[in-house]
């Protein structure tokens, strides 16, 4: 599943989640402070990684990559700047 985000500078980025769990932690059309978005995203990726590990016996490299990309992007902004979740795609 992909989730589309608009960062505070207007940049739009699509991120990959190996699990639909992301839809349980982020809402379409909602803006989050950068710090909260990073925390919610990290939680999603940790849950997704655990689900992959439980099913296949190994973790999901894509989960780690997604959170690394989000961390890198978030580092350009203040924790209180706002990120908007534009939508989800399968």
PDB file of N, CA and C in Angstrom:
ATOM      1  N   UNK A   1       0.841  -1.168   0.000  1.00  0.00           N
ATOM      2  CA  UNK A   1       0.000   0.000   0.000  1.00  0.00           C
ATOM      3  C   UNK A   1       0.886   1.230   0.000  1.00  0.00           C
ATOM      4  N   UNK A   2       0.490   2.223  -0.747  1.00  0.00           N
ATOM      5  CA  UNK A   2       1.203   3.505  -0.795  1.00  0.00           C
ATOM      6  C   UNK A   2       0.381   4.537  -0.034  1.00  0.00           C
ATOM      7  N   UNK A   3       1.079   5.449   0.648  1.00  0.00           N
ATOM      8  CA  UNK A   3       0.386   6.575   1.235  1.00  0.00           C
ATOM      9  C   UNK A   3       1.084   7.845   0.785  1.00  0.00           C
ATOM     10  N   UNK A   4       0.263   8.803   0.347  1.00  0.00           N
ATOM     11  CA  UNK A   4       0.744  10.042  -0.240  1.00  0.00           C
ATOM     12  C   UNK A   4       0.691  11.160   0.790  1.00  0.00           C
ATOM     13  N   UNK A   5       1.795  11.907   0.846  1.00  0.00           N
ATOM     14  CA  UNK A   5       1.976  12.933   1.867  1.00  0.00           C
ATOM     15  C   UNK A   5       2.390  14.243   1.213  1.00  0.00           C
ATOM     16  N   UNK A   6       1.913  15.344   1.773  1.00  0.00           N
ATOM     17  CA  UNK A   6       2.378  16.674   1.353  1.00  0.00           C
ATOM     18  C   UNK A   6       3.122  17.288   2.538  1.00  0.00           C
ATOM     19  N   UNK A   7       4.423  17.498   2.330  1.00  0.00           N
ATOM     20  CA  UNK A   7       5.264  18.085   3.371  1.00  0.00           C
ATOM     21  C   UNK A   7       5.017  19.596   3.463  1.00  0.00           C
ATOM     22  N   UNK A   8       5.466  20.237   4.544  1.00  0.00           N
ATOM     23  CA  UNK A   8       5.187  21.667   4.749  1.00  0.00           C
ATOM     24  C   UNK A   8       5.638  22.578   3.606  1.00  0.00           C
ATOM     25  N   UNK A   9       6.652  22.182   2.845  1.00  0.00           N
ATOM     26  CA  UNK A   9       7.118  23.014   1.732  1.00  0.00           C
ATOM     27  C   UNK A   9       6.352  22.750   0.437  1.00  0.00           C
ATOM     28  N   UNK A  10       5.314  21.906   0.508  1.00  0.00           N
ATOM     29  CA  UNK A  10       4.494  21.604  -0.653  1.00  0.00           C
ATOM     30  C   UNK A  10       4.939  20.373  -1.432  1.00  0.00           C
ATOM     31  N   UNK A  11       6.084  19.812  -1.069  1.00  0.00           N
ATOM     32  CA  UNK A  11       6.576  18.611  -1.731  1.00  0.00           C
ATOM     33  C   UNK A  11       5.633  17.448  -1.463  1.00  0.00           C
ATOM     34  N   UNK A  12       5.256  16.738  -2.533  1.00  0.00           N
ATOM     35  CA  UNK A  12       4.408  15.552  -2.396  1.00  0.00           C
ATOM     36  C   UNK A  12       5.268  14.305  -2.577  1.00  0.00           C
ATOM     37  N   UNK A  13       5.113  13.366  -1.655  1.00  0.00           N
ATOM     38  CA  UNK A  13       5.896  12.134  -1.688  1.00  0.00           C
ATOM     39  C   UNK A  13       4.976  10.956  -1.401  1.00  0.00           C
ATOM     40  N   UNK A  14       5.241   9.851  -2.091  1.00  0.00           N
ATOM     41  CA  UNK A  14       4.523   8.599  -1.833  1.00  0.00           C
ATOM     42  C   UNK A  14       5.449   7.664  -1.066  1.00  0.00           C
ATOM     43  N   UNK A  15       4.915   7.058  -0.025  1.00  0.00           N
ATOM     44  CA  UNK A  15       5.676   6.112   0.793  1.00  0.00           C
ATOM     45  C   UNK A  15       4.992   4.757   0.755  1.00  0.00           C
ATOM     46  N   UNK A  16       5.805   3.709   0.906  1.00  0.00           N
ATOM     47  CA  UNK A  16       5.301   2.345   0.853  1.00  0.00           C
ATOM     48  C   UNK A  16       5.101   1.788   2.258  1.00  0.00           C
ATOM     49  N   UNK A  17       3.988   1.100   2.448  1.00  0.00           N
ATOM     50  CA  UNK A  17       3.752   0.337   3.666  1.00  0.00           C
ATOM     51  C   UNK A  17       3.424  -1.096   3.251  1.00  0.00           C
ATOM     52  N   UNK A  18       4.104  -2.081   3.847  1.00  0.00           N
ATOM     53  CA  UNK A  18       3.809  -3.466   3.497  1.00  0.00           C
ATOM     54  C   UNK A  18       2.517  -3.986   4.128  1.00  0.00           C
ATOM     55  N   UNK A  19       1.834  -3.122   4.868  1.00  0.00           N
ATOM     56  CA  UNK A  19       0.631  -3.540   5.582  1.00  0.00           C
ATOM     57  C   UNK A  19      -0.416  -2.434   5.524  1.00  0.00           C
ATOM     58  N   UNK A  20      -1.674  -2.832   5.598  1.00  0.00           N
ATOM     59  CA  UNK A  20      -2.765  -1.860   5.642  1.00  0.00           C
ATOM     60  C   UNK A  20      -2.848  -1.148   6.996  1.00  0.00           C
ATOM     61  N   UNK A  21      -2.006  -1.526   7.940  1.00  0.00           N
ATOM     62  CA  UNK A  21      -2.030  -0.922   9.274  1.00  0.00           C
ATOM     63  C   UNK A  21      -1.893   0.599   9.215  1.00  0.00           C
ATOM     64  N   UNK A  22      -1.265   1.092   8.173  1.00  0.00           N
ATOM     65  CA  UNK A  22      -1.077   2.539   8.046  1.00  0.00           C
ATOM     66  C   UNK A  22      -2.418   3.271   8.048  1.00  0.00           C
ATOM     67  N   UNK A  23      -3.456   2.631   7.523  1.00  0.00           N
ATOM     68  CA  UNK A  23      -4.780   3.270   7.492  1.00  0.00           C
ATOM     69  C   UNK A  23      -5.426   3.338   8.874  1.00  0.00           C
ATOM     70  N   UNK A  24      -4.864   2.599   9.826  1.00  0.00           N
ATOM     71  CA  UNK A  24      -5.370   2.638  11.194  1.00  0.00           C
ATOM     72  C   UNK A  24      -4.712   3.745  12.025  1.00  0.00           C
ATOM     73  N   UNK A  25      -3.628   4.319  11.499  1.00  0.00           N
ATOM     74  CA  UNK A  25      -2.866   5.306  12.259  1.00  0.00           C
ATOM     75  C   UNK A  25      -2.788   6.675  11.594  1.00  0.00           C
ATOM     76  N   UNK A  26      -3.117   6.725  10.307  1.00  0.00           N
ATOM     77  CA  UNK A  26      -3.112   7.984   9.575  1.00  0.00           C
ATOM     78  C   UNK A  26      -4.441   8.113   8.841  1.00  0.00           C
ATOM     79  N   UNK A  27      -4.944   9.325   8.744  1.00  0.00           N
ATOM     80  CA  UNK A  27      -6.234   9.561   8.090  1.00  0.00           C
ATOM     81  C   UNK A  27      -6.066  10.467   6.876  1.00  0.00           C
ATOM     82  N   UNK A  28      -6.726  10.113   5.787  1.00  0.00           N
ATOM     83  CA  UNK A  28      -6.717  10.929   4.581  1.00  0.00           C
ATOM     84  C   UNK A  28      -7.270  12.320   4.877  1.00  0.00           C
ATOM     85  N   UNK A  29      -6.580  13.335   4.351  1.00  0.00           N
ATOM     86  CA  UNK A  29      -7.032  14.708   4.507  1.00  0.00           C
ATOM     87  C   UNK A  29      -6.671  15.339   5.837  1.00  0.00           C
ATOM     88  N   UNK A  30      -5.997  14.609   6.681  1.00  0.00           N
ATOM     89  CA  UNK A  30      -5.641  15.118   8.005  1.00  0.00           C
ATOM     90  C   UNK A  30      -4.224  15.667   7.992  1.00  0.00           C
ATOM     91  N   UNK A  31      -4.029  16.776   8.692  1.00  0.00           N
ATOM     92  CA  UNK A  31      -2.686  17.323   8.872  1.00  0.00           C
ATOM     93  C   UNK A  31      -2.204  16.969  10.271  1.00  0.00           C
ATOM     94  N   UNK A  32      -0.926  16.642  10.339  1.00  0.00           N
ATOM     95  CA  UNK A  32      -0.283  16.283  11.606  1.00  0.00           C
ATOM     96  C   UNK A  32       0.969  17.134  11.772  1.00  0.00           C
ATOM     97  N   UNK A  33       1.288  17.531  12.993  1.00  0.00           N
ATOM     98  CA  UNK A  33       2.595  18.135  13.204  1.00  0.00           C
ATOM     99  C   UNK A  33       3.667  17.125  12.769  1.00  0.00           C
ATOM    100  N   UNK A  34       4.761  17.606  12.231  1.00  0.00           N
ATOM    101  CA  UNK A  34       5.809  16.725  11.724  1.00  0.00           C
ATOM    102  C   UNK A  34       6.201  15.674  12.760  1.00  0.00           C
ATOM    103  N   UNK A  35       6.418  16.098  13.994  1.00  0.00           N
ATOM    104  CA  UNK A  35       6.842  15.154  15.037  1.00  0.00           C
ATOM    105  C   UNK A  35       5.802  14.046  15.246  1.00  0.00           C
ATOM    106  N   UNK A  36       4.533  14.402  15.239  1.00  0.00           N
ATOM    107  CA  UNK A  36       3.485  13.398  15.416  1.00  0.00           C
ATOM    108  C   UNK A  36       3.406  12.468  14.203  1.00  0.00           C
ATOM    109  N   UNK A  37       3.542  13.035  13.011  1.00  0.00           N
ATOM    110  CA  UNK A  37       3.517  12.213  11.800  1.00  0.00           C
ATOM    111  C   UNK A  37       4.646  11.186  11.818  1.00  0.00           C
ATOM    112  N   UNK A  38       5.836  11.619  12.229  1.00  0.00           N
ATOM    113  CA  UNK A  38       6.976  10.696  12.300  1.00  0.00           C
ATOM    114  C   UNK A  38       6.688   9.585  13.313  1.00  0.00           C
ATOM    115  N   UNK A  39       6.158   9.945  14.464  1.00  0.00           N
ATOM    116  CA  UNK A  39       5.844   8.952  15.494  1.00  0.00           C
ATOM    117  C   UNK A  39       4.799   7.960  14.999  1.00  0.00           C
ATOM    118  N   UNK A  40       3.736   8.465  14.389  1.00  0.00           N
ATOM    119  CA  UNK A  40       2.681   7.585  13.869  1.00  0.00           C
ATOM    120  C   UNK A  40       3.219   6.684  12.760  1.00  0.00           C
ATOM    121  N   UNK A  41       4.022   7.244  11.880  1.00  0.00           N
ATOM    122  CA  UNK A  41       4.598   6.468  10.784  1.00  0.00           C
ATOM    123  C   UNK A  41       5.524   5.377  11.314  1.00  0.00           C
ATOM    124  N   UNK A  42       6.337   5.718  12.289  1.00  0.00           N
ATOM    125  CA  UNK A  42       7.243   4.735  12.885  1.00  0.00           C
ATOM    126  C   UNK A  42       6.440   3.594  13.515  1.00  0.00           C
ATOM    127  N   UNK A  43       5.377   3.931  14.220  1.00  0.00           N
ATOM    128  CA  UNK A  43       4.517   2.903  14.817  1.00  0.00           C
ATOM    129  C   UNK A  43       3.967   1.977  13.741  1.00  0.00           C
ATOM    130  N   UNK A  44       3.477   2.554  12.641  1.00  0.00           N
ATOM    131  CA  UNK A  44       2.937   1.749  11.531  1.00  0.00           C
ATOM    132  C   UNK A  44       3.991   0.812  10.975  1.00  0.00           C
ATOM    133  N   UNK A  45       5.177   1.339  10.736  1.00  0.00           N
ATOM    134  CA  UNK A  45       6.224   0.526  10.125  1.00  0.00           C
ATOM    135  C   UNK A  45       6.703  -0.568  11.073  1.00  0.00           C
ATOM    136  N   UNK A  46       6.714  -0.297  12.365  1.00  0.00           N
ATOM    137  CA  UNK A  46       7.100  -1.330  13.336  1.00  0.00           C
ATOM    138  C   UNK A  46       6.059  -2.448  13.378  1.00  0.00           C
ATOM    139  N   UNK A  47       4.784  -2.081  13.335  1.00  0.00           N
ATOM    140  CA  UNK A  47       3.721  -3.087  13.308  1.00  0.00           C
ATOM    141  C   UNK A  47       3.795  -3.884  12.014  1.00  0.00           C
ATOM    142  N   UNK A  48       3.968  -3.198  10.894  1.00  0.00           N
ATOM    143  CA  UNK A  48       4.062  -3.874   9.600  1.00  0.00           C
ATOM    144  C   UNK A  48       5.246  -4.835   9.581  1.00  0.00           C
ATOM    145  N   UNK A  49       6.380  -4.388  10.111  1.00  0.00           N
ATOM    146  CA  UNK A  49       7.559  -5.244  10.166  1.00  0.00           C
ATOM    147  C   UNK A  49       7.281  -6.493  11.002  1.00  0.00           C
ATOM    148  N   UNK A  50       6.626  -6.326  12.129  1.00  0.00           N
ATOM    149  CA  UNK A  50       6.304  -7.461  13.000  1.00  0.00           C
ATOM    150  C   UNK A  50       5.352  -8.436  12.292  1.00  0.00           C
ATOM    151  N   UNK A  51       4.407  -7.914  11.529  1.00  0.00           N
ATOM    152  CA  UNK A  51       3.473  -8.777  10.797  1.00  0.00           C
ATOM    153  C   UNK A  51       4.204  -9.591   9.731  1.00  0.00           C
ATOM    154  N   UNK A  52       5.118  -8.945   9.018  1.00  0.00           N
ATOM    155  CA  UNK A  52       5.905  -9.657   8.005  1.00  0.00           C
ATOM    156  C   UNK A  52       6.768 -10.711   8.680  1.00  0.00           C
ATOM    157  N   UNK A  53       7.400 -10.335   9.791  1.00  0.00           N
ATOM    158  CA  UNK A  53       8.250 -11.275  10.530  1.00  0.00           C
ATOM    159  C   UNK A  53       7.449 -12.491  11.001  1.00  0.00           C
ATOM    160  N   UNK A  54       6.241 -12.252  11.505  1.00  0.00           N
ATOM    161  CA  UNK A  54       5.400 -13.353  11.988  1.00  0.00           C
ATOM    162  C   UNK A  54       4.978 -14.277  10.843  1.00  0.00           C
ATOM    163  N   UNK A  55       4.706 -13.705   9.691  1.00  0.00           N
ATOM    164  CA  UNK A  55       4.218 -14.494   8.563  1.00  0.00           C
ATOM    165  C   UNK A  55       5.341 -15.231   7.822  1.00  0.00           C
ATOM    166  N   UNK A  56       6.482 -14.535   7.633  1.00  0.00           N
ATOM    167  CA  UNK A  56       7.539 -15.093   6.787  1.00  0.00           C
ATOM    168  C   UNK A  56       8.813 -15.487   7.541  1.00  0.00           C
ATOM    169  N   UNK A  57       8.914 -15.100   8.803  1.00  0.00           N
ATOM    170  CA  UNK A  57      10.090 -15.463   9.581  1.00  0.00           C
ATOM    171  C   UNK A  57      11.252 -14.487   9.479  1.00  0.00           C
ATOM    172  N   UNK A  58      11.053 -13.388   8.795  1.00  0.00           N
ATOM    173  CA  UNK A  58      12.083 -12.350   8.698  1.00  0.00           C
ATOM    174  C   UNK A  58      11.401 -10.998   8.573  1.00  0.00           C
ATOM    175  N   UNK A  59      12.108  -9.941   8.956  1.00  0.00           N
ATOM    176  CA  UNK A  59      11.550  -8.603   8.932  1.00  0.00           C
ATOM    177  C   UNK A  59      11.434  -8.037   7.526  1.00  0.00           C
ATOM    178  N   UNK A  60      10.868  -6.868   7.443  1.00  0.00           N
ATOM    179  CA  UNK A  60      10.616  -6.217   6.160  1.00  0.00           C
ATOM    180  C   UNK A  60      11.574  -5.044   5.966  1.00  0.00           C
ATOM    181  N   UNK A  61      12.490  -5.181   5.018  1.00  0.00           N
ATOM    182  CA  UNK A  61      13.446  -4.113   4.733  1.00  0.00           C
ATOM    183  C   UNK A  61      12.729  -2.848   4.252  1.00  0.00           C
ATOM    184  N   UNK A  62      11.608  -2.997   3.585  1.00  0.00           N
ATOM    185  CA  UNK A  62      10.870  -1.837   3.088  1.00  0.00           C
ATOM    186  C   UNK A  62      10.337  -0.973   4.229  1.00  0.00           C
ATOM    187  N   UNK A  63       9.944  -1.598   5.330  1.00  0.00           N
ATOM    188  CA  UNK A  63       9.476  -0.823   6.486  1.00  0.00           C
ATOM    189  C   UNK A  63      10.587   0.069   7.005  1.00  0.00           C
ATOM    190  N   UNK A  64      11.775  -0.501   7.134  1.00  0.00           N
ATOM    191  CA  UNK A  64      12.922   0.274   7.615  1.00  0.00           C
ATOM    192  C   UNK A  64      13.279   1.387   6.629  1.00  0.00           C
ATOM    193  N   UNK A  65      13.192   1.086   5.354  1.00  0.00           N
ATOM    194  CA  UNK A  65      13.505   2.095   4.339  1.00  0.00           C
ATOM    195  C   UNK A  65      12.490   3.235   4.387  1.00  0.00           C
ATOM    196  N   UNK A  66      11.221   2.908   4.527  1.00  0.00           N
ATOM    197  CA  UNK A  66      10.184   3.936   4.584  1.00  0.00           C
ATOM    198  C   UNK A  66      10.403   4.875   5.756  1.00  0.00           C
ATOM    199  N   UNK A  67      10.677   4.322   6.923  1.00  0.00           N
ATOM    200  CA  UNK A  67      10.869   5.201   8.080  1.00  0.00           C
ATOM    201  C   UNK A  67      12.153   6.021   7.935  1.00  0.00           C
ATOM    202  N   UNK A  68      13.177   5.460   7.309  1.00  0.00           N
ATOM    203  CA  UNK A  68      14.402   6.230   7.067  1.00  0.00           C
ATOM    204  C   UNK A  68      14.122   7.401   6.129  1.00  0.00           C
ATOM    205  N   UNK A  69      13.333   7.170   5.091  1.00  0.00           N
ATOM    206  CA  UNK A  69      12.968   8.251   4.169  1.00  0.00           C
ATOM    207  C   UNK A  69      12.144   9.326   4.874  1.00  0.00           C
ATOM    208  N   UNK A  70      11.208   8.893   5.700  1.00  0.00           N
ATOM    209  CA  UNK A  70      10.375   9.847   6.439  1.00  0.00           C
ATOM    210  C   UNK A  70      11.227  10.644   7.426  1.00  0.00           C
ATOM    211  N   UNK A  71      12.111   9.980   8.145  1.00  0.00           N
ATOM    212  CA  UNK A  71      13.004  10.675   9.085  1.00  0.00           C
ATOM    213  C   UNK A  71      13.850  11.722   8.365  1.00  0.00           C
ATOM    214  N   UNK A  72      14.395  11.358   7.213  1.00  0.00           N
ATOM    215  CA  UNK A  72      15.232  12.285   6.448  1.00  0.00           C
ATOM    216  C   UNK A  72      14.431  13.501   5.992  1.00  0.00           C
ATOM    217  N   UNK A  73      13.228  13.266   5.484  1.00  0.00           N
ATOM    218  CA  UNK A  73      12.387  14.380   5.035  1.00  0.00           C
ATOM    219  C   UNK A  73      11.980  15.259   6.209  1.00  0.00           C
ATOM    220  N   UNK A  74      11.604  14.635   7.313  1.00  0.00           N
ATOM    221  CA  UNK A  74      11.144  15.382   8.489  1.00  0.00           C
ATOM    222  C   UNK A  74      12.244  16.269   9.065  1.00  0.00           C
ATOM    223  N   UNK A  75      13.482  15.859   8.899  1.00  0.00           N
ATOM    224  CA  UNK A  75      14.603  16.636   9.420  1.00  0.00           C
ATOM    225  C   UNK A  75      14.735  18.022   8.814  1.00  0.00           C
ATOM    226  N   UNK A  76      14.061  18.260   7.714  1.00  0.00           N
ATOM    227  CA  UNK A  76      14.116  19.570   7.050  1.00  0.00           C
ATOM    228  C   UNK A  76      13.137  20.573   7.657  1.00  0.00           C
ATOM    229  N   UNK A  77      12.277  20.106   8.567  1.00  0.00           N
ATOM    230  CA  UNK A  77      11.207  20.960   9.077  1.00  0.00           C
ATOM    231  C   UNK A  77      11.212  21.025  10.596  1.00  0.00           C
ATOM    232  N   UNK A  78      10.517  22.023  11.109  1.00  0.00           N
ATOM    233  CA  UNK A  78      10.325  22.132  12.557  1.00  0.00           C
ATOM    234  C   UNK A  78       9.319  21.070  13.001  1.00  0.00           C
ATOM    235  N   UNK A  79       9.451  20.575  14.219  1.00  0.00           N
ATOM    236  CA  UNK A  79       8.525  19.547  14.710  1.00  0.00           C
ATOM    237  C   UNK A  79       7.063  19.970  14.680  1.00  0.00           C
ATOM    238  N   UNK A  80       6.811  21.262  14.734  1.00  0.00           N
ATOM    239  CA  UNK A  80       5.432  21.755  14.755  1.00  0.00           C
ATOM    240  C   UNK A  80       4.882  22.101  13.371  1.00  0.00           C
ATOM    241  N   UNK A  81       5.738  22.073  12.338  1.00  0.00           N
ATOM    242  CA  UNK A  81       5.240  22.271  10.976  1.00  0.00           C
ATOM    243  C   UNK A  81       4.250  21.153  10.671  1.00  0.00           C
ATOM    244  N   UNK A  82       3.404  21.348   9.657  1.00  0.00           N
ATOM    245  CA  UNK A  82       2.349  20.380   9.409  1.00  0.00           C
ATOM    246  C   UNK A  82       2.533  19.577   8.123  1.00  0.00           C
ATOM    247  N   UNK A  83       2.262  18.288   8.232  1.00  0.00           N
ATOM    248  CA  UNK A  83       2.289  17.334   7.124  1.00  0.00           C
ATOM    249  C   UNK A  83       0.845  16.922   6.869  1.00  0.00           C
ATOM    250  N   UNK A  84       0.473  16.845   5.613  1.00  0.00           N
ATOM    251  CA  UNK A  84      -0.896  16.433   5.273  1.00  0.00           C
ATOM    252  C   UNK A  84      -0.856  15.065   4.583  1.00  0.00           C
ATOM    253  N   UNK A  85      -1.701  14.176   5.044  1.00  0.00           N
ATOM    254  CA  UNK A  85      -1.862  12.876   4.390  1.00  0.00           C
ATOM    255  C   UNK A  85      -2.895  13.058   3.292  1.00  0.00           C
ATOM    256  N   UNK A  86      -2.440  12.910   2.046  1.00  0.00           N
ATOM    257  CA  UNK A  86      -3.308  13.168   0.900  1.00  0.00           C
ATOM    258  C   UNK A  86      -4.183  11.967   0.549  1.00  0.00           C
ATOM    259  N   UNK A  87      -3.676  10.756   0.792  1.00  0.00           N
ATOM    260  CA  UNK A  87      -4.484   9.585   0.463  1.00  0.00           C
ATOM    261  C   UNK A  87      -3.692   8.299   0.495  1.00  0.00           C
ATOM    262  N   UNK A  88      -4.410   7.214   0.204  1.00  0.00           N
ATOM    263  CA  UNK A  88      -3.831   5.868   0.177  1.00  0.00           C
ATOM    264  C   UNK A  88      -4.117   5.239  -1.174  1.00  0.00           C
ATOM    265  N   UNK A  89      -3.175   4.399  -1.614  1.00  0.00           N
ATOM    266  CA  UNK A  89      -3.348   3.660  -2.870  1.00  0.00           C
ATOM    267  C   UNK A  89      -2.869   2.234  -2.666  1.00  0.00           C
ATOM    268  N   UNK A  90      -3.558   1.302  -3.305  1.00  0.00           N
ATOM    269  CA  UNK A  90      -3.132  -0.112  -3.255  1.00  0.00           C
ATOM    270  C   UNK A  90      -2.449  -0.494  -4.530  1.00  0.00           C
TER     271      UNK A  90
END
